[in-house]
Amino acid sequence: MSGTLEDLLSQDSQRIWQASWEIITSRDVDLLEQLRAALPQIRQATADLELGGLITPNSATLEHALAKVHGCRSWKCWCDDYPRLLQFDPNR
């Protein structure tokens, strides 16, 4: 089991948030495939957790990360993930 998967299953909101950002910034196909196989387990482990967040909820960061894991097979380019980022601004 990868450290990222262990973090996502840990029930620790800080570890889950950090793992979410690791996924969002990752281009490691092997990691994303390993996590894809564990998506049901990850969703079950994180379903009822309060993840906090000040400006935006950390649950949105987790959902973005899990959407990347789920959808990356269908992308033509890593940039297909950018429009879902809250920080994405095509005018900049």
C-alpha atoms as a PDB file:
ATOM      1  CA  MET A   1       0.000   0.000   0.000  1.00  0.00           C
ATOM      2  CA  SER A   2       1.400   3.409  -0.936  1.00  0.00           C
ATOM      3  CA  GLY A   3       1.886   6.156   1.612  1.00  0.00           C
ATOM      4  CA  THR A   4      -0.707   8.214  -0.252  1.00  0.00           C
ATOM      5  CA  LEU A   5      -3.300   5.477   0.043  1.00  0.00           C
ATOM      6  CA  GLU A   6      -2.467   5.003   3.724  1.00  0.00           C
ATOM      7  CA  ASP A   7      -2.955   8.738   4.241  1.00  0.00           C
ATOM      8  CA  LEU A   8      -6.319   8.720   2.479  1.00  0.00           C
ATOM      9  CA  LEU A   9      -7.510   5.832   4.648  1.00  0.00           C
ATOM     10  CA  SER A  10      -6.090   7.263   7.888  1.00  0.00           C
ATOM     11  CA  GLN A  11      -9.170   9.181   9.114  1.00  0.00           C
ATOM     12  CA  ASP A  12      -6.740  12.057   9.826  1.00  0.00           C
ATOM     13  CA  SER A  13      -7.989  15.235   8.113  1.00  0.00           C
ATOM     14  CA  GLN A  14      -4.495  16.754   7.763  1.00  0.00           C
ATOM     15  CA  ARG A  15      -3.051  13.605   6.186  1.00  0.00           C
ATOM     16  CA  ILE A  16      -6.024  13.336   3.837  1.00  0.00           C
ATOM     17  CA  TRP A  17      -5.672  16.985   2.787  1.00  0.00           C
ATOM     18  CA  GLN A  18      -1.930  16.533   2.133  1.00  0.00           C
ATOM     19  CA  ALA A  19      -2.541  13.323   0.171  1.00  0.00           C
ATOM     20  CA  SER A  20      -5.210  15.105  -1.868  1.00  0.00           C
ATOM     21  CA  TRP A  21      -2.722  17.776  -2.921  1.00  0.00           C
ATOM     22  CA  GLU A  22      -0.124  15.108  -3.666  1.00  0.00           C
ATOM     23  CA  ILE A  23      -2.619  13.548  -6.089  1.00  0.00           C
ATOM     24  CA  ILE A  24      -3.631  16.870  -7.645  1.00  0.00           C
ATOM     25  CA  THR A  25      -0.001  17.724  -8.412  1.00  0.00           C
ATOM     26  CA  SER A  26       1.051  14.197  -9.400  1.00  0.00           C
ATOM     27  CA  ARG A  27       1.744  12.862 -12.861  1.00  0.00           C
ATOM     28  CA  ASP A  28       2.619   9.410 -11.545  1.00  0.00           C
ATOM     29  CA  VAL A  29       0.390   7.101 -13.580  1.00  0.00           C
ATOM     30  CA  ASP A  30       1.270   4.082 -11.427  1.00  0.00           C
ATOM     31  CA  LEU A  31       0.152   5.911  -8.283  1.00  0.00           C
ATOM     32  CA  LEU A  32      -3.079   7.075  -9.912  1.00  0.00           C
ATOM     33  CA  GLU A  33      -3.844   3.535 -11.119  1.00  0.00           C
ATOM     34  CA  GLN A  34      -3.187   2.088  -7.664  1.00  0.00           C
ATOM     35  CA  LEU A  35      -5.513   4.671  -6.141  1.00  0.00           C
ATOM     36  CA  ARG A  36      -8.115   4.052  -8.839  1.00  0.00           C
ATOM     37  CA  ALA A  37      -8.335   0.422  -7.770  1.00  0.00           C
ATOM     38  CA  ALA A  38      -8.921   1.584  -4.182  1.00  0.00           C
ATOM     39  CA  LEU A  39     -11.506   4.308  -4.943  1.00  0.00           C
ATOM     40  CA  PRO A  40     -14.442   2.493  -3.289  1.00  0.00           C
ATOM     41  CA  GLN A  41     -12.373   1.918  -0.161  1.00  0.00           C
ATOM     42  CA  ILE A  42     -11.187   5.559  -0.139  1.00  0.00           C
ATOM     43  CA  ARG A  43     -14.698   6.925  -0.611  1.00  0.00           C
ATOM     44  CA  GLN A  44     -16.017   4.740   2.191  1.00  0.00           C
ATOM     45  CA  ALA A  45     -13.191   5.769   4.549  1.00  0.00           C
ATOM     46  CA  THR A  46     -13.666   9.496   3.889  1.00  0.00           C
ATOM     47  CA  ALA A  47     -17.462   9.658   3.468  1.00  0.00           C
ATOM     48  CA  ASP A  48     -18.427  11.037   6.869  1.00  0.00           C
ATOM     49  CA  LEU A  49     -15.265  12.883   7.839  1.00  0.00           C
ATOM     50  CA  GLU A  50     -15.197  16.581   8.644  1.00  0.00           C
ATOM     51  CA  LEU A  51     -12.108  17.754   6.767  1.00  0.00           C
ATOM     52  CA  GLY A  52     -12.252  21.420   7.711  1.00  0.00           C
ATOM     53  CA  GLY A  53     -11.048  24.245   5.532  1.00  0.00           C
ATOM     54  CA  LEU A  54     -11.064  27.993   5.981  1.00  0.00           C
ATOM     55  CA  ILE A  55     -11.772  29.645   2.635  1.00  0.00           C
ATOM     56  CA  THR A  56     -12.847  26.580   0.712  1.00  0.00           C
ATOM     57  CA  PRO A  57     -13.769  23.233   2.250  1.00  0.00           C
ATOM     58  CA  ASN A  58     -10.989  20.660   2.254  1.00  0.00           C
ATOM     59  CA  SER A  59     -13.601  18.160   1.131  1.00  0.00           C
ATOM     60  CA  ALA A  60     -13.561  19.979  -2.244  1.00  0.00           C
ATOM     61  CA  THR A  61      -9.818  19.334  -2.471  1.00  0.00           C
ATOM     62  CA  LEU A  62     -10.393  15.647  -1.760  1.00  0.00           C
ATOM     63  CA  GLU A  63     -13.186  15.454  -4.345  1.00  0.00           C
ATOM     64  CA  HIS A  64     -10.960  17.087  -6.954  1.00  0.00           C
ATOM     65  CA  ALA A  65      -8.194  14.591  -6.206  1.00  0.00           C
ATOM     66  CA  LEU A  66     -10.550  11.621  -6.424  1.00  0.00           C
ATOM     67  CA  ALA A  67     -12.064  12.955  -9.659  1.00  0.00           C
ATOM     68  CA  LYS A  68      -8.534  13.135 -11.090  1.00  0.00           C
ATOM     69  CA  VAL A  69      -7.884   9.524 -10.065  1.00  0.00           C
ATOM     70  CA  HIS A  70     -11.177   8.448 -11.617  1.00  0.00           C
ATOM     71  CA  GLY A  71     -10.938  10.438 -14.845  1.00  0.00           C
ATOM     72  CA  CYS A  72      -7.276  10.608 -15.786  1.00  0.00           C
ATOM     73  CA  ARG A  73      -7.477   7.573 -18.100  1.00  0.00           C
ATOM     74  CA  SER A  74      -9.722   9.492 -20.488  1.00  0.00           C
ATOM     75  CA  TRP A  75      -7.504  12.574 -20.770  1.00  0.00           C
ATOM     76  CA  LYS A  76      -5.432  13.421 -23.809  1.00  0.00           C
ATOM     77  CA  CYS A  77      -3.169  15.677 -21.743  1.00  0.00           C
ATOM     78  CA  TRP A  78      -2.535  16.428 -18.067  1.00  0.00           C
ATOM     79  CA  CYS A  79      -3.903  19.909 -18.744  1.00  0.00           C
ATOM     80  CA  ASP A  80      -7.391  18.374 -19.069  1.00  0.00           C
ATOM     81  CA  ASP A  81      -7.448  18.507 -15.259  1.00  0.00           C
ATOM     82  CA  TYR A  82      -6.790  22.264 -14.996  1.00  0.00           C
ATOM     83  CA  PRO A  83     -10.316  23.636 -15.573  1.00  0.00           C
ATOM     84  CA  ARG A  84     -11.580  21.877 -12.452  1.00  0.00           C
ATOM     85  CA  LEU A  85      -9.073  23.691 -10.227  1.00  0.00           C
ATOM     86  CA  LEU A  86     -10.533  26.626  -8.338  1.00  0.00           C
ATOM     87  CA  GLN A  87      -7.309  28.528  -9.045  1.00  0.00           C
ATOM     88  CA  PHE A  88      -7.626  27.990 -12.807  1.00  0.00           C
ATOM     89  CA  ASP A  89      -7.863  31.287 -14.633  1.00  0.00           C
ATOM     90  CA  PRO A  90      -7.331  31.043 -18.402  1.00  0.00           C
ATOM     91  CA  ASN A  91      -6.992  34.826 -18.616  1.00  0.00           C
ATOM     92  CA  ARG A  92      -3.769  34.806 -16.545  1.00  0.00           C
END
